[in-house]
């Protein structure tokens, strides 16, 4: 994001920030060096201490590690936990308007070409001609990808219009020794 060309399109918001905004969740950042230091120290402590504790407990498998964690967490929290400044629970329950599938999609902008195509994730999307599609030529359109349920990406500009995904043929290069039947000169 530091390059001027990167700021030509979009608002600079990350995918994580966009998802939180869609769910009306406010990001609370550590704005002072003391808070940032506490987080970094906690991460370093966990990275260092947890590995040693696992080794001392003789943990060698994922299942044994998962069984060990509750005991480790109780001990760690008893030694290092601090009472919050405000102990009020600020979490809110989910409401029907919280559309998680939509909030957790990956979104990217692409430019619709003169030939009504756009490329996303090595897939060429061909938009069916329509009045709307013609008006969008040369414009930035949003592509929505649904990684959670493995649905294919779909340009938002096409959500009410038809689009076809046209995978590009994969160029294959084979080493001559890979095919025993292949004659080499």
C-alpha atoms as a PDB file:
ATOM      1  CA  UNK A   1       0.000   0.000   0.000  1.00  0.00           C
ATOM      2  CA  UNK A   2       3.001   2.314   0.275  1.00  0.00           C
ATOM      3  CA  UNK A   3       3.389   2.662  -3.476  1.00  0.00           C
ATOM      4  CA  UNK A   4       1.467   5.557  -5.063  1.00  0.00           C
ATOM      5  CA  UNK A   5       0.143   3.246  -7.803  1.00  0.00           C
ATOM      6  CA  UNK A   6      -1.436   1.009  -5.161  1.00  0.00           C
ATOM      7  CA  UNK A   7      -3.618   3.907  -4.014  1.00  0.00           C
ATOM      8  CA  UNK A   8      -5.208   4.528  -7.401  1.00  0.00           C
ATOM      9  CA  UNK A   9      -8.224   2.365  -6.662  1.00  0.00           C
ATOM     10  CA  UNK A  10     -10.089   1.431  -3.516  1.00  0.00           C
ATOM     11  CA  UNK A  11     -10.267   3.093  -0.144  1.00  0.00           C
ATOM     12  CA  UNK A  12      -7.232   1.459   1.445  1.00  0.00           C
ATOM     13  CA  UNK A  13      -9.359  -0.700   3.729  1.00  0.00           C
ATOM     14  CA  UNK A  14      -8.171  -4.255   4.292  1.00  0.00           C
ATOM     15  CA  UNK A  15     -10.428  -7.270   3.756  1.00  0.00           C
ATOM     16  CA  UNK A  16     -10.530  -7.721   7.551  1.00  0.00           C
ATOM     17  CA  UNK A  17     -11.506  -4.087   8.117  1.00  0.00           C
ATOM     18  CA  UNK A  18     -14.175  -4.306   5.415  1.00  0.00           C
ATOM     19  CA  UNK A  19     -15.685  -7.441   7.022  1.00  0.00           C
ATOM     20  CA  UNK A  20     -15.775  -5.797  10.453  1.00  0.00           C
ATOM     21  CA  UNK A  21     -17.391  -2.691   9.003  1.00  0.00           C
ATOM     22  CA  UNK A  22     -20.052  -4.841   7.276  1.00  0.00           C
ATOM     23  CA  UNK A  23     -20.836  -6.396  10.674  1.00  0.00           C
ATOM     24  CA  UNK A  24     -20.761  -2.989  12.440  1.00  0.00           C
ATOM     25  CA  UNK A  25     -17.832  -4.042  14.615  1.00  0.00           C
ATOM     26  CA  UNK A  26     -15.442  -1.304  15.692  1.00  0.00           C
ATOM     27  CA  UNK A  27     -11.731  -2.059  15.598  1.00  0.00           C
ATOM     28  CA  UNK A  28     -10.028  -1.028  18.822  1.00  0.00           C
ATOM     29  CA  UNK A  29      -6.312  -0.701  18.172  1.00  0.00           C
ATOM     30  CA  UNK A  30      -3.513  -0.576  20.692  1.00  0.00           C
ATOM     31  CA  UNK A  31      -2.712   3.119  20.315  1.00  0.00           C
ATOM     32  CA  UNK A  32      -0.013   3.483  22.922  1.00  0.00           C
ATOM     33  CA  UNK A  33       3.409   1.907  23.039  1.00  0.00           C
ATOM     34  CA  UNK A  34       2.659   0.331  26.434  1.00  0.00           C
ATOM     35  CA  UNK A  35      -0.358  -1.556  25.064  1.00  0.00           C
ATOM     36  CA  UNK A  36       1.552  -2.635  21.956  1.00  0.00           C
ATOM     37  CA  UNK A  37       4.406  -3.791  24.175  1.00  0.00           C
ATOM     38  CA  UNK A  38       2.060  -5.853  26.346  1.00  0.00           C
ATOM     39  CA  UNK A  39       0.695  -7.644  23.272  1.00  0.00           C
ATOM     40  CA  UNK A  40       4.188  -8.302  21.893  1.00  0.00           C
ATOM     41  CA  UNK A  41       5.457  -9.525  25.264  1.00  0.00           C
ATOM     42  CA  UNK A  42       2.458 -11.825  25.644  1.00  0.00           C
ATOM     43  CA  UNK A  43       3.041 -13.288  22.176  1.00  0.00           C
ATOM     44  CA  UNK A  44       6.762 -13.771  22.849  1.00  0.00           C
ATOM     45  CA  UNK A  45       6.003 -15.320  26.236  1.00  0.00           C
ATOM     46  CA  UNK A  46       3.515 -17.711  24.697  1.00  0.00           C
ATOM     47  CA  UNK A  47       5.787 -18.644  21.801  1.00  0.00           C
ATOM     48  CA  UNK A  48       8.684 -19.291  24.159  1.00  0.00           C
ATOM     49  CA  UNK A  49       6.948 -20.653  27.256  1.00  0.00           C
ATOM     50  CA  UNK A  50       4.356 -22.870  25.554  1.00  0.00           C
ATOM     51  CA  UNK A  51       6.977 -24.773  23.555  1.00  0.00           C
ATOM     52  CA  UNK A  52       9.030 -25.401  26.701  1.00  0.00           C
ATOM     53  CA  UNK A  53       5.978 -26.385  28.737  1.00  0.00           C
ATOM     54  CA  UNK A  54       4.899 -28.847  26.031  1.00  0.00           C
ATOM     55  CA  UNK A  55       8.380 -30.370  26.015  1.00  0.00           C
ATOM     56  CA  UNK A  56       8.501 -30.623  29.841  1.00  0.00           C
ATOM     57  CA  UNK A  57       5.070 -32.284  29.882  1.00  0.00           C
ATOM     58  CA  UNK A  58       6.250 -34.850  27.320  1.00  0.00           C
ATOM     59  CA  UNK A  59       3.652 -33.791  24.760  1.00  0.00           C
ATOM     60  CA  UNK A  60       4.444 -35.241  21.350  1.00  0.00           C
ATOM     61  CA  UNK A  61       1.148 -35.392  19.458  1.00  0.00           C
ATOM     62  CA  UNK A  62      -1.575 -32.959  18.467  1.00  0.00           C
ATOM     63  CA  UNK A  63      -4.106 -34.826  20.612  1.00  0.00           C
ATOM     64  CA  UNK A  64      -1.854 -34.699  23.675  1.00  0.00           C
ATOM     65  CA  UNK A  65      -1.221 -30.990  23.022  1.00  0.00           C
ATOM     66  CA  UNK A  66      -4.958 -30.282  22.849  1.00  0.00           C
ATOM     67  CA  UNK A  67      -5.485 -32.193  26.093  1.00  0.00           C
ATOM     68  CA  UNK A  68      -2.634 -30.231  27.763  1.00  0.00           C
ATOM     69  CA  UNK A  69      -3.806 -26.750  26.721  1.00  0.00           C
ATOM     70  CA  UNK A  70      -6.639 -26.234  29.263  1.00  0.00           C
ATOM     71  CA  UNK A  71      -4.224 -26.901  32.153  1.00  0.00           C
ATOM     72  CA  UNK A  72      -1.586 -24.608  30.622  1.00  0.00           C
ATOM     73  CA  UNK A  73      -4.146 -21.839  30.067  1.00  0.00           C
ATOM     74  CA  UNK A  74      -5.351 -21.966  33.690  1.00  0.00           C
ATOM     75  CA  UNK A  75      -1.781 -21.769  34.987  1.00  0.00           C
ATOM     76  CA  UNK A  76      -0.763 -19.035  32.504  1.00  0.00           C
ATOM     77  CA  UNK A  77      -3.824 -16.887  33.235  1.00  0.00           C
ATOM     78  CA  UNK A  78      -3.362 -17.297  37.012  1.00  0.00           C
ATOM     79  CA  UNK A  79       0.190 -15.915  36.697  1.00  0.00           C
ATOM     80  CA  UNK A  80      -0.170 -13.259  33.986  1.00  0.00           C
ATOM     81  CA  UNK A  81      -3.809 -12.192  33.574  1.00  0.00           C
ATOM     82  CA  UNK A  82      -4.726  -8.600  34.390  1.00  0.00           C
ATOM     83  CA  UNK A  83      -8.200  -7.429  35.276  1.00  0.00           C
ATOM     84  CA  UNK A  84      -9.700  -5.329  32.479  1.00  0.00           C
ATOM     85  CA  UNK A  85     -10.096  -1.582  33.002  1.00  0.00           C
ATOM     86  CA  UNK A  86     -13.811  -2.006  32.240  1.00  0.00           C
ATOM     87  CA  UNK A  87     -15.232  -5.483  32.831  1.00  0.00           C
ATOM     88  CA  UNK A  88     -18.478  -4.792  30.966  1.00  0.00           C
ATOM     89  CA  UNK A  89     -19.032  -7.312  28.146  1.00  0.00           C
ATOM     90  CA  UNK A  90     -19.328  -5.222  24.992  1.00  0.00           C
ATOM     91  CA  UNK A  91     -20.078  -8.133  22.673  1.00  0.00           C
ATOM     92  CA  UNK A  92     -23.456  -7.944  20.997  1.00  0.00           C
ATOM     93  CA  UNK A  93     -25.588 -10.877  19.920  1.00  0.00           C
ATOM     94  CA  UNK A  94     -25.881 -11.641  16.230  1.00  0.00           C
ATOM     95  CA  UNK A  95     -28.910 -10.199  14.516  1.00  0.00           C
ATOM     96  CA  UNK A  96     -30.615 -11.368  11.313  1.00  0.00           C
ATOM     97  CA  UNK A  97     -29.020  -8.505   9.369  1.00  0.00           C
ATOM     98  CA  UNK A  98     -25.532  -9.929  10.164  1.00  0.00           C
ATOM     99  CA  UNK A  99     -24.962 -11.786   6.908  1.00  0.00           C
ATOM    100  CA  UNK A 100     -21.730 -13.616   7.701  1.00  0.00           C
ATOM    101  CA  UNK A 101     -21.409 -15.310   4.307  1.00  0.00           C
ATOM    102  CA  UNK A 102     -21.505 -11.931   2.609  1.00  0.00           C
ATOM    103  CA  UNK A 103     -19.249 -10.207   5.143  1.00  0.00           C
ATOM    104  CA  UNK A 104     -16.551 -12.881   4.899  1.00  0.00           C
ATOM    105  CA  UNK A 105     -16.311 -12.906   1.127  1.00  0.00           C
ATOM    106  CA  UNK A 106     -13.106 -11.762  -0.517  1.00  0.00           C
ATOM    107  CA  UNK A 107     -13.708  -8.665  -2.619  1.00  0.00           C
ATOM    108  CA  UNK A 108     -11.485  -7.206  -5.295  1.00  0.00           C
ATOM    109  CA  UNK A 109     -11.899  -4.576  -7.980  1.00  0.00           C
ATOM    110  CA  UNK A 110     -11.192  -5.239 -11.653  1.00  0.00           C
ATOM    111  CA  UNK A 111     -11.669  -3.155 -14.797  1.00  0.00           C
ATOM    112  CA  UNK A 112     -14.219  -4.399 -17.324  1.00  0.00           C
ATOM    113  CA  UNK A 113     -12.586  -4.524 -20.757  1.00  0.00           C
ATOM    114  CA  UNK A 114     -13.983  -3.413 -24.121  1.00  0.00           C
ATOM    115  CA  UNK A 115     -14.657  -7.092 -24.876  1.00  0.00           C
ATOM    116  CA  UNK A 116     -16.760  -7.387 -21.689  1.00  0.00           C
ATOM    117  CA  UNK A 117     -14.187  -9.527 -19.896  1.00  0.00           C
ATOM    118  CA  UNK A 118     -12.314  -9.253 -16.644  1.00  0.00           C
ATOM    119  CA  UNK A 119      -9.719 -11.439 -15.016  1.00  0.00           C
ATOM    120  CA  UNK A 120      -9.691 -12.653 -11.447  1.00  0.00           C
ATOM    121  CA  UNK A 121      -7.663 -15.473  -9.884  1.00  0.00           C
ATOM    122  CA  UNK A 122      -6.452 -16.706 -13.300  1.00  0.00           C
ATOM    123  CA  UNK A 123     -10.028 -16.982 -14.531  1.00  0.00           C
ATOM    124  CA  UNK A 124     -11.314 -14.912 -17.396  1.00  0.00           C
ATOM    125  CA  UNK A 125     -14.928 -13.881 -16.860  1.00  0.00           C
ATOM    126  CA  UNK A 126     -16.980 -13.077 -19.942  1.00  0.00           C
ATOM    127  CA  UNK A 127     -19.978 -10.866 -19.223  1.00  0.00           C
ATOM    128  CA  UNK A 128     -23.082 -11.388 -21.317  1.00  0.00           C
ATOM    129  CA  UNK A 129     -23.789  -8.260 -23.361  1.00  0.00           C
ATOM    130  CA  UNK A 130     -26.492  -6.021 -21.967  1.00  0.00           C
ATOM    131  CA  UNK A 131     -27.183  -2.332 -21.632  1.00  0.00           C
ATOM    132  CA  UNK A 132     -25.801  -2.397 -18.099  1.00  0.00           C
ATOM    133  CA  UNK A 133     -22.657  -4.285 -19.141  1.00  0.00           C
ATOM    134  CA  UNK A 134     -22.006  -1.904 -22.036  1.00  0.00           C
ATOM    135  CA  UNK A 135     -22.264   1.065 -19.653  1.00  0.00           C
ATOM    136  CA  UNK A 136     -19.716  -0.585 -17.323  1.00  0.00           C
ATOM    137  CA  UNK A 137     -16.981  -0.937 -19.977  1.00  0.00           C
ATOM    138  CA  UNK A 138     -13.776   0.617 -18.695  1.00  0.00           C
ATOM    139  CA  UNK A 139     -15.228   0.959 -15.183  1.00  0.00           C
ATOM    140  CA  UNK A 140     -13.987  -0.706 -12.026  1.00  0.00           C
ATOM    141  CA  UNK A 141     -16.315  -3.524 -10.971  1.00  0.00           C
ATOM    142  CA  UNK A 142     -16.245  -5.527  -7.772  1.00  0.00           C
ATOM    143  CA  UNK A 143     -15.533  -9.258  -7.874  1.00  0.00           C
ATOM    144  CA  UNK A 144     -16.889 -11.232  -4.929  1.00  0.00           C
ATOM    145  CA  UNK A 145     -15.204 -14.522  -4.045  1.00  0.00           C
ATOM    146  CA  UNK A 146     -16.809 -17.012  -1.651  1.00  0.00           C
ATOM    147  CA  UNK A 147     -13.850 -18.988  -0.245  1.00  0.00           C
ATOM    148  CA  UNK A 148     -15.811 -20.390   2.673  1.00  0.00           C
ATOM    149  CA  UNK A 149     -18.104 -22.610   0.648  1.00  0.00           C
ATOM    150  CA  UNK A 150     -15.885 -22.899  -2.436  1.00  0.00           C
ATOM    151  CA  UNK A 151     -18.348 -21.100  -4.721  1.00  0.00           C
ATOM    152  CA  UNK A 152     -16.671 -19.544  -7.667  1.00  0.00           C
ATOM    153  CA  UNK A 153     -15.985 -15.849  -7.807  1.00  0.00           C
ATOM    154  CA  UNK A 154     -18.639 -13.703  -9.397  1.00  0.00           C
ATOM    155  CA  UNK A 155     -18.322 -10.148 -10.584  1.00  0.00           C
ATOM    156  CA  UNK A 156     -20.874  -8.025  -8.737  1.00  0.00           C
ATOM    157  CA  UNK A 157     -21.568  -6.229 -11.998  1.00  0.00           C
ATOM    158  CA  UNK A 158     -22.878  -9.568 -13.196  1.00  0.00           C
ATOM    159  CA  UNK A 159     -24.926 -10.543 -10.189  1.00  0.00           C
ATOM    160  CA  UNK A 160     -28.082  -9.549 -12.017  1.00  0.00           C
ATOM    161  CA  UNK A 161     -26.622 -10.409 -15.423  1.00  0.00           C
ATOM    162  CA  UNK A 162     -25.053 -13.542 -16.730  1.00  0.00           C
ATOM    163  CA  UNK A 163     -21.314 -14.178 -16.641  1.00  0.00           C
ATOM    164  CA  UNK A 164     -19.334 -17.170 -17.781  1.00  0.00           C
ATOM    165  CA  UNK A 165     -16.047 -18.203 -16.226  1.00  0.00           C
ATOM    166  CA  UNK A 166     -13.615 -19.260 -18.908  1.00  0.00           C
ATOM    167  CA  UNK A 167     -10.588 -20.974 -17.382  1.00  0.00           C
ATOM    168  CA  UNK A 168      -7.467 -20.401 -19.390  1.00  0.00           C
ATOM    169  CA  UNK A 169      -5.749 -23.459 -20.859  1.00  0.00           C
ATOM    170  CA  UNK A 170      -2.766 -24.349 -18.726  1.00  0.00           C
ATOM    171  CA  UNK A 171       0.547 -24.316 -20.520  1.00  0.00           C
ATOM    172  CA  UNK A 172       2.330 -27.552 -19.790  1.00  0.00           C
ATOM    173  CA  UNK A 173       6.016 -28.040 -19.896  1.00  0.00           C
ATOM    174  CA  UNK A 174       7.396 -31.500 -19.413  1.00  0.00           C
ATOM    175  CA  UNK A 175      10.943 -32.496 -18.844  1.00  0.00           C
ATOM    176  CA  UNK A 176      12.089 -34.835 -21.651  1.00  0.00           C
ATOM    177  CA  UNK A 177      12.978 -37.517 -19.085  1.00  0.00           C
ATOM    178  CA  UNK A 178       9.462 -37.442 -17.618  1.00  0.00           C
ATOM    179  CA  UNK A 179       8.035 -39.469 -20.543  1.00  0.00           C
ATOM    180  CA  UNK A 180       9.793 -42.829 -21.041  1.00  0.00           C
ATOM    181  CA  UNK A 181       8.144 -43.275 -24.500  1.00  0.00           C
ATOM    182  CA  UNK A 182       9.441 -39.962 -25.764  1.00  0.00           C
ATOM    183  CA  UNK A 183      12.336 -40.248 -28.212  1.00  0.00           C
ATOM    184  CA  UNK A 184      15.057 -37.696 -27.843  1.00  0.00           C
ATOM    185  CA  UNK A 185      17.442 -36.928 -30.676  1.00  0.00           C
END
